[in-house]
Amino acid sequence: MKNKITLTENEMKAVKASLNYNDRESQLCDNYSNGGVEEFKLELGWNDQQVGGLIASMTEKGIGFIDNEESDGIFWLTEEGVNAYFDQLEKQGA
């Protein structure tokens, strides 16, 4: 069953910046899939507030989460987020 999460163009960019591999299987075997606020700002050309809104939206969708214990702005991808990214790539024929 395909994932029901639909990512925006900017969410796709943020997830891509968080990936360690270019294929679903390898990525799902890696539990260190994450990106940071600074990385997202650089990738998107955005400020802290814009990236904060993006992270809030991605968290609400179940794409990932900020580990409050880490407290250094690390956004960790969920399995659902990884699958949504690769599902959308496949749908786009990439």
C-alpha atoms as a PDB file:
ATOM      1  CA  MET A   1       0.000   0.000   0.000  1.00  0.00           C
ATOM      2  CA  LYS A   2       1.393   3.367  -1.013  1.00  0.00           C
ATOM      3  CA  ASN A   3       2.011   6.083   1.539  1.00  0.00           C
ATOM      4  CA  LYS A   4      -0.737   8.713   1.777  1.00  0.00           C
ATOM      5  CA  ILE A   5       1.547  11.617   2.704  1.00  0.00           C
ATOM      6  CA  THR A   6       1.973  14.156  -0.093  1.00  0.00           C
ATOM      7  CA  LEU A   7       5.067  16.340   0.131  1.00  0.00           C
ATOM      8  CA  THR A   8       5.339  19.875  -1.192  1.00  0.00           C
ATOM      9  CA  GLU A   9       8.265  20.850  -3.401  1.00  0.00           C
ATOM     10  CA  ASN A  10      10.058  22.403  -0.415  1.00  0.00           C
ATOM     11  CA  GLU A  11       9.377  19.367   1.779  1.00  0.00           C
ATOM     12  CA  MET A  12      10.860  17.194  -0.979  1.00  0.00           C
ATOM     13  CA  LYS A  13      14.000  19.361  -0.950  1.00  0.00           C
ATOM     14  CA  ALA A  14      14.270  19.170   2.843  1.00  0.00           C
ATOM     15  CA  VAL A  15      13.811  15.392   2.875  1.00  0.00           C
ATOM     16  CA  LYS A  16      16.365  14.991   0.078  1.00  0.00           C
ATOM     17  CA  ALA A  17      18.827  17.060   2.132  1.00  0.00           C
ATOM     18  CA  SER A  18      18.223  14.635   5.022  1.00  0.00           C
ATOM     19  CA  LEU A  19      18.816  11.419   3.078  1.00  0.00           C
ATOM     20  CA  ASN A  20      22.023   9.422   3.204  1.00  0.00           C
ATOM     21  CA  TYR A  21      21.207   7.187   0.211  1.00  0.00           C
ATOM     22  CA  ASN A  22      19.538   7.529  -3.182  1.00  0.00           C
ATOM     23  CA  ASP A  23      17.374   4.417  -2.886  1.00  0.00           C
ATOM     24  CA  ARG A  24      14.523   3.450  -0.580  1.00  0.00           C
ATOM     25  CA  GLU A  25      15.904   0.117   0.640  1.00  0.00           C
ATOM     26  CA  SER A  26      19.263   1.504   1.743  1.00  0.00           C
ATOM     27  CA  GLN A  27      17.632   4.547   3.296  1.00  0.00           C
ATOM     28  CA  LEU A  28      15.153   2.497   5.324  1.00  0.00           C
ATOM     29  CA  CYS A  29      18.046   0.432   6.732  1.00  0.00           C
ATOM     30  CA  ASP A  30      19.721   3.621   8.010  1.00  0.00           C
ATOM     31  CA  ASN A  31      18.309   4.973  11.247  1.00  0.00           C
ATOM     32  CA  TYR A  32      20.442   8.137  11.099  1.00  0.00           C
ATOM     33  CA  SER A  33      18.444   9.981   8.449  1.00  0.00           C
ATOM     34  CA  ASN A  34      18.345  13.581   9.496  1.00  0.00           C
ATOM     35  CA  GLY A  35      18.796  17.157   8.456  1.00  0.00           C
ATOM     36  CA  GLY A  36      19.393  20.319  10.379  1.00  0.00           C
ATOM     37  CA  VAL A  37      17.877  23.759  10.483  1.00  0.00           C
ATOM     38  CA  GLU A  38      21.054  25.271   9.034  1.00  0.00           C
ATOM     39  CA  GLU A  39      21.123  22.680   6.261  1.00  0.00           C
ATOM     40  CA  PHE A  40      17.491  23.435   5.352  1.00  0.00           C
ATOM     41  CA  LYS A  41      18.150  27.185   5.408  1.00  0.00           C
ATOM     42  CA  LEU A  42      21.043  26.726   2.992  1.00  0.00           C
ATOM     43  CA  GLU A  43      19.118  24.351   0.702  1.00  0.00           C
ATOM     44  CA  LEU A  44      16.025  26.560   0.515  1.00  0.00           C
ATOM     45  CA  GLY A  45      17.540  30.029   0.969  1.00  0.00           C
ATOM     46  CA  TRP A  46      15.184  30.633   3.884  1.00  0.00           C
ATOM     47  CA  ASN A  47      15.444  32.219   7.339  1.00  0.00           C
ATOM     48  CA  ASP A  48      14.904  30.571  10.748  1.00  0.00           C
ATOM     49  CA  GLN A  49      11.186  31.386  10.883  1.00  0.00           C
ATOM     50  CA  GLN A  50      10.476  29.987   7.430  1.00  0.00           C
ATOM     51  CA  VAL A  51      12.377  26.785   8.167  1.00  0.00           C
ATOM     52  CA  GLY A  52      10.617  26.533  11.536  1.00  0.00           C
ATOM     53  CA  GLY A  53       7.267  26.636   9.728  1.00  0.00           C
ATOM     54  CA  LEU A  54       8.421  23.978   7.278  1.00  0.00           C
ATOM     55  CA  ILE A  55       9.589  21.719  10.108  1.00  0.00           C
ATOM     56  CA  ALA A  56       6.282  22.219  11.941  1.00  0.00           C
ATOM     57  CA  SER A  57       4.365  21.238   8.791  1.00  0.00           C
ATOM     58  CA  MET A  58       6.569  18.191   8.188  1.00  0.00           C
ATOM     59  CA  THR A  59       6.148  17.124  11.826  1.00  0.00           C
ATOM     60  CA  GLU A  60       2.346  17.436  11.572  1.00  0.00           C
ATOM     61  CA  LYS A  61       2.373  15.271   8.427  1.00  0.00           C
ATOM     62  CA  GLY A  62       4.484  12.582  10.143  1.00  0.00           C
ATOM     63  CA  ILE A  63       7.497  13.079   7.857  1.00  0.00           C
ATOM     64  CA  GLY A  64       9.830  13.462  10.824  1.00  0.00           C
ATOM     65  CA  PHE A  65      10.380  15.094  14.188  1.00  0.00           C
ATOM     66  CA  ILE A  66      12.747  17.261  16.197  1.00  0.00           C
ATOM     67  CA  ASP A  67      14.301  15.352  19.083  1.00  0.00           C
ATOM     68  CA  ASN A  68      13.815  17.769  21.977  1.00  0.00           C
ATOM     69  CA  GLU A  69      16.521  16.001  23.964  1.00  0.00           C
ATOM     70  CA  GLU A  70      19.033  16.751  21.209  1.00  0.00           C
ATOM     71  CA  SER A  71      18.077  20.450  21.249  1.00  0.00           C
ATOM     72  CA  ASP A  72      20.448  21.288  18.413  1.00  0.00           C
ATOM     73  CA  GLY A  73      17.924  21.579  15.582  1.00  0.00           C
ATOM     74  CA  ILE A  74      18.167  18.052  14.199  1.00  0.00           C
ATOM     75  CA  PHE A  75      15.121  16.894  12.221  1.00  0.00           C
ATOM     76  CA  TRP A  76      14.902  13.095  12.101  1.00  0.00           C
ATOM     77  CA  LEU A  77      13.001  11.422   9.255  1.00  0.00           C
ATOM     78  CA  THR A  78      10.400   8.779  10.006  1.00  0.00           C
ATOM     79  CA  GLU A  79       9.939   5.621   7.958  1.00  0.00           C
ATOM     80  CA  GLU A  80       6.685   7.152   6.688  1.00  0.00           C
ATOM     81  CA  GLY A  81       8.546  10.265   5.577  1.00  0.00           C
ATOM     82  CA  VAL A  82      11.179   8.254   3.714  1.00  0.00           C
ATOM     83  CA  ASN A  83       8.482   6.180   1.998  1.00  0.00           C
ATOM     84  CA  ALA A  84       6.468   9.292   1.096  1.00  0.00           C
ATOM     85  CA  TYR A  85       9.561  10.814  -0.541  1.00  0.00           C
ATOM     86  CA  PHE A  86      10.366   7.747  -2.641  1.00  0.00           C
ATOM     87  CA  ASP A  87       6.670   7.142  -3.458  1.00  0.00           C
ATOM     88  CA  GLN A  88       6.413  10.677  -4.784  1.00  0.00           C
ATOM     89  CA  LEU A  89       9.633  10.285  -6.817  1.00  0.00           C
ATOM     90  CA  GLU A  90       8.241   7.118  -8.373  1.00  0.00           C
ATOM     91  CA  LYS A  91       4.933   8.834  -9.131  1.00  0.00           C
ATOM     92  CA  GLN A  92       6.836  11.656 -10.853  1.00  0.00           C
ATOM     93  CA  GLY A  93       8.786   9.096 -12.868  1.00  0.00           C
ATOM     94  CA  ALA A  94      12.150  10.147 -11.396  1.00  0.00           C
END
